[in-house]
């Protein structure tokens, strides 16, 4: 029972930390948004693609970053654009973009 409590506390702190990052990113600089949140989402997506395709994670990252190979690997223009194109202006549009990217990552299948 004590282990479950620790896990819940850890998860709660993790969610609070991520929520704070999203809050800061909505008004922060483009560099902060890209280096903290977008890089994290790209890494999560690369991990998912790697697991589902059986490709090495590092080669997946390189392919995803390629304007030629990336869209072909993702097969979802909207998701690829959200993760690998220019950052939206500050504010609520960034938060909306993050939600759409997360939904797209969750829905993606190889």
N, C-alpha and C. Protein backbone atom coordinates (compact mmCIF):
# COMPACT_ATOMS: atom_id res chain seq x y z
N UNK A 1 0.82 -1.20 0.00
CA UNK A 1 0.00 0.00 0.00
C UNK A 1 0.87 1.26 0.00
N UNK A 2 1.96 1.23 0.75
CA UNK A 2 2.84 2.39 0.82
C UNK A 2 3.48 2.68 -0.54
N UNK A 3 3.79 1.62 -1.31
CA UNK A 3 4.37 1.79 -2.65
C UNK A 3 3.39 2.54 -3.56
N UNK A 4 2.11 2.21 -3.49
CA UNK A 4 1.09 2.88 -4.31
C UNK A 4 1.03 4.37 -3.98
N UNK A 5 1.12 4.69 -2.70
CA UNK A 5 1.08 6.09 -2.28
C UNK A 5 2.27 6.85 -2.87
N UNK A 6 3.46 6.24 -2.84
CA UNK A 6 4.65 6.88 -3.40
C UNK A 6 4.50 7.10 -4.90
N UNK A 7 3.97 6.09 -5.59
CA UNK A 7 3.77 6.20 -7.04
C UNK A 7 2.78 7.32 -7.34
N UNK A 8 1.70 7.39 -6.61
CA UNK A 8 0.71 8.45 -6.83
C UNK A 8 1.30 9.83 -6.60
N UNK A 9 2.11 9.95 -5.53
CA UNK A 9 2.75 11.24 -5.25
C UNK A 9 3.70 11.61 -6.38
N UNK A 10 4.48 10.62 -6.84
CA UNK A 10 5.40 10.87 -7.94
C UNK A 10 4.63 11.30 -9.19
N UNK A 11 3.57 10.59 -9.51
CA UNK A 11 2.78 10.93 -10.69
C UNK A 11 2.16 12.32 -10.53
N UNK A 12 1.68 12.65 -9.36
CA UNK A 12 1.09 13.96 -9.13
C UNK A 12 2.13 15.06 -9.31
N UNK A 13 3.34 14.83 -8.79
CA UNK A 13 4.41 15.82 -8.96
C UNK A 13 4.79 15.95 -10.43
N UNK A 14 4.85 14.82 -11.12
CA UNK A 14 5.20 14.82 -12.53
C UNK A 14 4.16 15.61 -13.34
N UNK A 15 2.90 15.39 -13.05
CA UNK A 15 1.82 16.10 -13.74
C UNK A 15 1.88 17.59 -13.41
N UNK A 16 2.11 17.92 -12.15
CA UNK A 16 2.22 19.33 -11.77
C UNK A 16 3.39 20.00 -12.48
N UNK A 17 4.51 19.30 -12.55
CA UNK A 17 5.69 19.84 -13.22
C UNK A 17 5.42 20.08 -14.69
N UNK A 18 4.81 19.09 -15.35
CA UNK A 18 4.49 19.23 -16.76
C UNK A 18 3.47 20.34 -16.98
N UNK A 19 2.48 20.44 -16.11
CA UNK A 19 1.49 21.51 -16.21
C UNK A 19 2.16 22.88 -16.11
N UNK A 20 3.11 22.99 -15.20
CA UNK A 20 3.84 24.25 -15.04
C UNK A 20 4.66 24.57 -16.30
N UNK A 21 5.27 23.54 -16.90
CA UNK A 21 6.03 23.76 -18.14
C UNK A 21 5.11 24.26 -19.25
N UNK A 22 3.92 23.69 -19.35
CA UNK A 22 2.97 24.13 -20.38
C UNK A 22 2.55 25.57 -20.12
N UNK A 23 2.30 25.89 -18.87
CA UNK A 23 1.90 27.26 -18.51
C UNK A 23 2.99 28.26 -18.88
N UNK A 24 4.22 27.94 -18.54
CA UNK A 24 5.34 28.83 -18.86
C UNK A 24 5.53 28.91 -20.37
N UNK A 25 5.42 27.78 -21.04
CA UNK A 25 5.63 27.75 -22.50
C UNK A 25 4.58 28.56 -23.25
N UNK A 26 3.38 28.66 -22.70
CA UNK A 26 2.34 29.41 -23.40
C UNK A 26 2.68 30.90 -23.50
N UNK A 27 3.51 31.39 -22.59
CA UNK A 27 3.89 32.80 -22.62
C UNK A 27 5.40 33.00 -22.81
N UNK A 28 6.15 31.90 -22.76
CA UNK A 28 7.60 31.97 -22.84
C UNK A 28 8.10 32.18 -24.26
N UNK A 29 9.39 32.19 -24.35
CA UNK A 29 10.03 32.41 -25.64
C UNK A 29 9.83 31.21 -26.55
N UNK A 30 10.04 31.44 -27.83
CA UNK A 30 9.94 30.36 -28.81
C UNK A 30 11.00 29.30 -28.51
N UNK A 31 12.18 29.72 -28.12
CA UNK A 31 13.27 28.79 -27.81
C UNK A 31 12.89 27.87 -26.66
N UNK A 32 12.30 28.43 -25.60
CA UNK A 32 11.87 27.61 -24.45
C UNK A 32 10.82 26.60 -24.90
N UNK A 33 9.83 27.07 -25.64
CA UNK A 33 8.76 26.20 -26.11
C UNK A 33 9.31 25.04 -26.93
N UNK A 34 10.21 25.34 -27.84
CA UNK A 34 10.77 24.30 -28.70
C UNK A 34 11.72 23.38 -27.96
N UNK A 35 12.59 23.95 -27.13
CA UNK A 35 13.61 23.12 -26.47
C UNK A 35 13.06 22.31 -25.31
N UNK A 36 12.01 22.75 -24.67
CA UNK A 36 11.47 22.02 -23.53
C UNK A 36 10.30 21.13 -23.95
N UNK A 37 9.27 21.72 -24.52
CA UNK A 37 8.05 20.95 -24.78
C UNK A 37 8.06 20.22 -26.12
N UNK A 38 8.38 20.92 -27.18
CA UNK A 38 8.36 20.24 -28.48
C UNK A 38 9.40 19.13 -28.54
N UNK A 39 10.58 19.36 -28.00
CA UNK A 39 11.60 18.31 -28.00
C UNK A 39 11.13 17.10 -27.19
N UNK A 40 10.43 17.36 -26.10
CA UNK A 40 9.91 16.27 -25.28
C UNK A 40 8.85 15.47 -26.05
N UNK A 41 7.95 16.17 -26.72
CA UNK A 41 6.93 15.48 -27.51
C UNK A 41 7.56 14.72 -28.68
N UNK A 42 8.54 15.32 -29.33
CA UNK A 42 9.22 14.63 -30.43
C UNK A 42 9.90 13.36 -29.93
N UNK A 43 10.50 13.43 -28.76
CA UNK A 43 11.17 12.26 -28.19
C UNK A 43 10.16 11.16 -27.85
N UNK A 44 9.04 11.54 -27.27
CA UNK A 44 7.98 10.58 -26.96
C UNK A 44 7.47 9.93 -28.25
N UNK A 45 7.27 10.74 -29.27
CA UNK A 45 6.78 10.21 -30.54
C UNK A 45 7.81 9.28 -31.18
N UNK A 46 9.07 9.66 -31.14
CA UNK A 46 10.13 8.81 -31.70
C UNK A 46 10.17 7.46 -30.97
N UNK A 47 9.99 7.49 -29.68
CA UNK A 47 9.95 6.25 -28.90
C UNK A 47 8.78 5.37 -29.35
N UNK A 48 7.63 5.97 -29.53
CA UNK A 48 6.45 5.22 -29.97
C UNK A 48 6.67 4.62 -31.37
N UNK A 49 7.18 5.43 -32.28
CA UNK A 49 7.45 4.95 -33.64
C UNK A 49 8.46 3.80 -33.59
N UNK A 50 9.49 3.96 -32.78
CA UNK A 50 10.51 2.93 -32.64
C UNK A 50 9.91 1.62 -32.13
N UNK A 51 9.10 1.71 -31.11
CA UNK A 51 8.48 0.51 -30.55
C UNK A 51 7.54 -0.17 -31.53
N UNK A 52 6.78 0.62 -32.27
CA UNK A 52 5.79 0.04 -33.18
C UNK A 52 6.38 -0.45 -34.50
N UNK A 53 7.50 0.12 -34.90
CA UNK A 53 8.09 -0.28 -36.19
C UNK A 53 9.26 -1.23 -36.02
N UNK A 54 9.84 -1.27 -34.83
CA UNK A 54 11.01 -2.10 -34.61
C UNK A 54 12.32 -1.45 -35.04
N UNK A 55 12.24 -0.19 -35.47
CA UNK A 55 13.44 0.55 -35.87
C UNK A 55 14.14 1.11 -34.63
N UNK A 56 15.45 1.33 -34.74
CA UNK A 56 16.20 1.94 -33.65
C UNK A 56 15.73 3.37 -33.41
N UNK A 57 15.64 3.75 -32.15
CA UNK A 57 15.12 5.07 -31.80
C UNK A 57 15.94 6.20 -32.44
N UNK A 58 17.25 6.09 -32.44
CA UNK A 58 18.09 7.16 -33.00
C UNK A 58 17.87 7.30 -34.51
N UNK A 59 17.72 6.19 -35.21
CA UNK A 59 17.46 6.29 -36.65
C UNK A 59 16.06 6.84 -36.90
N UNK A 60 15.12 6.51 -36.04
CA UNK A 60 13.77 7.07 -36.15
C UNK A 60 13.82 8.59 -35.97
N UNK A 61 14.57 9.05 -34.96
CA UNK A 61 14.70 10.50 -34.73
C UNK A 61 15.27 11.20 -35.96
N UNK A 62 16.28 10.60 -36.57
CA UNK A 62 16.88 11.20 -37.76
C UNK A 62 15.91 11.23 -38.92
N UNK A 63 15.17 10.15 -39.12
CA UNK A 63 14.20 10.12 -40.20
C UNK A 63 13.07 11.12 -39.97
N UNK A 64 12.59 11.20 -38.74
CA UNK A 64 11.52 12.14 -38.44
C UNK A 64 11.95 13.58 -38.66
N UNK A 65 13.20 13.89 -38.36
CA UNK A 65 13.70 15.25 -38.54
C UNK A 65 13.91 15.61 -40.01
N UNK A 66 13.96 14.61 -40.87
CA UNK A 66 14.16 14.84 -42.30
C UNK A 66 12.86 15.29 -42.96
N UNK A 67 12.92 16.39 -43.70
CA UNK A 67 11.73 16.90 -44.40
C UNK A 67 11.29 15.94 -45.51
N UNK A 68 12.16 15.04 -45.94
CA UNK A 68 11.82 14.08 -46.99
C UNK A 68 11.30 12.79 -46.37
N UNK A 69 12.05 12.20 -45.45
CA UNK A 69 11.69 10.90 -44.88
C UNK A 69 10.64 11.00 -43.77
N UNK A 70 10.65 12.10 -43.02
CA UNK A 70 9.75 12.25 -41.88
C UNK A 70 8.27 12.11 -42.21
N UNK A 71 7.76 12.92 -43.15
CA UNK A 71 6.33 12.82 -43.48
C UNK A 71 5.93 11.43 -43.98
N UNK A 72 6.81 10.78 -44.71
CA UNK A 72 6.50 9.43 -45.21
C UNK A 72 6.41 8.43 -44.06
N UNK A 73 7.26 8.59 -43.06
CA UNK A 73 7.24 7.69 -41.91
C UNK A 73 5.99 7.92 -41.06
N UNK A 74 5.63 9.18 -40.87
CA UNK A 74 4.48 9.52 -40.02
C UNK A 74 3.15 9.21 -40.70
N UNK A 75 3.07 9.50 -42.00
CA UNK A 75 1.85 9.30 -42.78
C UNK A 75 0.65 10.09 -42.24
N UNK A 76 0.92 11.17 -41.55
CA UNK A 76 -0.13 12.05 -41.03
C UNK A 76 0.42 13.47 -41.11
N UNK A 77 0.02 14.17 -42.17
CA UNK A 77 0.58 15.50 -42.44
C UNK A 77 0.34 16.47 -41.27
N UNK A 78 -0.84 16.41 -40.68
CA UNK A 78 -1.17 17.31 -39.58
C UNK A 78 -0.25 17.08 -38.39
N UNK A 79 -0.09 15.82 -38.00
CA UNK A 79 0.77 15.51 -36.86
C UNK A 79 2.22 15.91 -37.15
N UNK A 80 2.69 15.60 -38.33
CA UNK A 80 4.07 15.95 -38.68
C UNK A 80 4.26 17.47 -38.63
N UNK A 81 3.32 18.20 -39.17
CA UNK A 81 3.40 19.66 -39.17
C UNK A 81 3.41 20.21 -37.74
N UNK A 82 2.56 19.65 -36.88
CA UNK A 82 2.51 20.11 -35.49
C UNK A 82 3.86 19.92 -34.78
N UNK A 83 4.49 18.78 -35.04
CA UNK A 83 5.73 18.47 -34.33
C UNK A 83 6.98 19.05 -34.96
N UNK A 84 6.97 19.27 -36.28
CA UNK A 84 8.23 19.61 -36.97
C UNK A 84 8.18 20.90 -37.78
N UNK A 85 7.17 21.73 -37.61
CA UNK A 85 7.17 23.01 -38.32
C UNK A 85 7.36 24.14 -37.31
N UNK A 86 7.18 25.35 -37.76
CA UNK A 86 7.44 26.51 -36.90
C UNK A 86 6.48 26.57 -35.72
N UNK A 87 6.95 27.19 -34.68
CA UNK A 87 6.21 27.32 -33.44
C UNK A 87 5.14 28.40 -33.56
N UNK A 88 3.93 28.12 -33.05
CA UNK A 88 2.89 29.15 -33.09
C UNK A 88 3.21 30.30 -32.14
N UNK A 89 2.54 31.43 -32.33
CA UNK A 89 2.75 32.57 -31.44
C UNK A 89 2.39 32.21 -29.99
N UNK A 90 2.78 33.06 -29.08
CA UNK A 90 2.50 32.82 -27.66
C UNK A 90 1.01 32.77 -27.38
N UNK A 91 0.68 32.14 -26.26
CA UNK A 91 -0.69 32.15 -25.78
C UNK A 91 -1.43 30.85 -25.95
N UNK A 92 -2.74 30.97 -25.97
CA UNK A 92 -3.62 29.81 -26.00
C UNK A 92 -3.41 28.94 -27.24
N UNK A 93 -2.98 29.54 -28.34
CA UNK A 93 -2.77 28.75 -29.55
C UNK A 93 -1.66 27.72 -29.36
N UNK A 94 -0.66 28.03 -28.54
CA UNK A 94 0.39 27.06 -28.24
C UNK A 94 -0.17 25.88 -27.45
N UNK A 95 -1.02 26.18 -26.48
CA UNK A 95 -1.62 25.13 -25.66
C UNK A 95 -2.50 24.25 -26.54
N UNK A 96 -3.25 24.86 -27.44
CA UNK A 96 -4.09 24.11 -28.37
C UNK A 96 -3.23 23.21 -29.25
N UNK A 97 -2.13 23.74 -29.73
CA UNK A 97 -1.21 22.98 -30.56
C UNK A 97 -0.67 21.78 -29.80
N UNK A 98 -0.32 21.96 -28.54
CA UNK A 98 0.18 20.86 -27.72
C UNK A 98 -0.89 19.78 -27.55
N UNK A 99 -2.11 20.19 -27.29
CA UNK A 99 -3.20 19.21 -27.16
C UNK A 99 -3.38 18.41 -28.43
N UNK A 100 -3.37 19.09 -29.57
CA UNK A 100 -3.54 18.41 -30.85
C UNK A 100 -2.38 17.45 -31.11
N UNK A 101 -1.17 17.87 -30.78
CA UNK A 101 -0.01 17.00 -30.98
C UNK A 101 -0.08 15.77 -30.09
N UNK A 102 -0.45 15.95 -28.84
CA UNK A 102 -0.57 14.82 -27.91
C UNK A 102 -1.65 13.86 -28.38
N UNK A 103 -2.79 14.38 -28.80
CA UNK A 103 -3.86 13.53 -29.32
C UNK A 103 -3.39 12.76 -30.55
N UNK A 104 -2.65 13.43 -31.42
CA UNK A 104 -2.13 12.78 -32.62
C UNK A 104 -1.13 11.68 -32.31
N UNK A 105 -0.26 11.94 -31.33
CA UNK A 105 0.72 10.93 -30.92
C UNK A 105 0.01 9.71 -30.34
N UNK A 106 -0.98 9.96 -29.49
CA UNK A 106 -1.71 8.85 -28.89
C UNK A 106 -2.43 8.01 -29.94
N UNK A 107 -2.97 8.66 -30.96
CA UNK A 107 -3.75 7.97 -31.99
C UNK A 107 -2.89 7.30 -33.05
N UNK A 108 -1.64 7.68 -33.17
CA UNK A 108 -0.79 7.19 -34.25
C UNK A 108 -0.52 5.70 -34.13
N UNK A 109 -0.60 5.00 -35.23
CA UNK A 109 -0.25 3.58 -35.31
C UNK A 109 0.63 3.35 -36.52
N UNK A 110 1.57 2.42 -36.36
CA UNK A 110 2.47 2.09 -37.47
C UNK A 110 1.73 1.42 -38.61
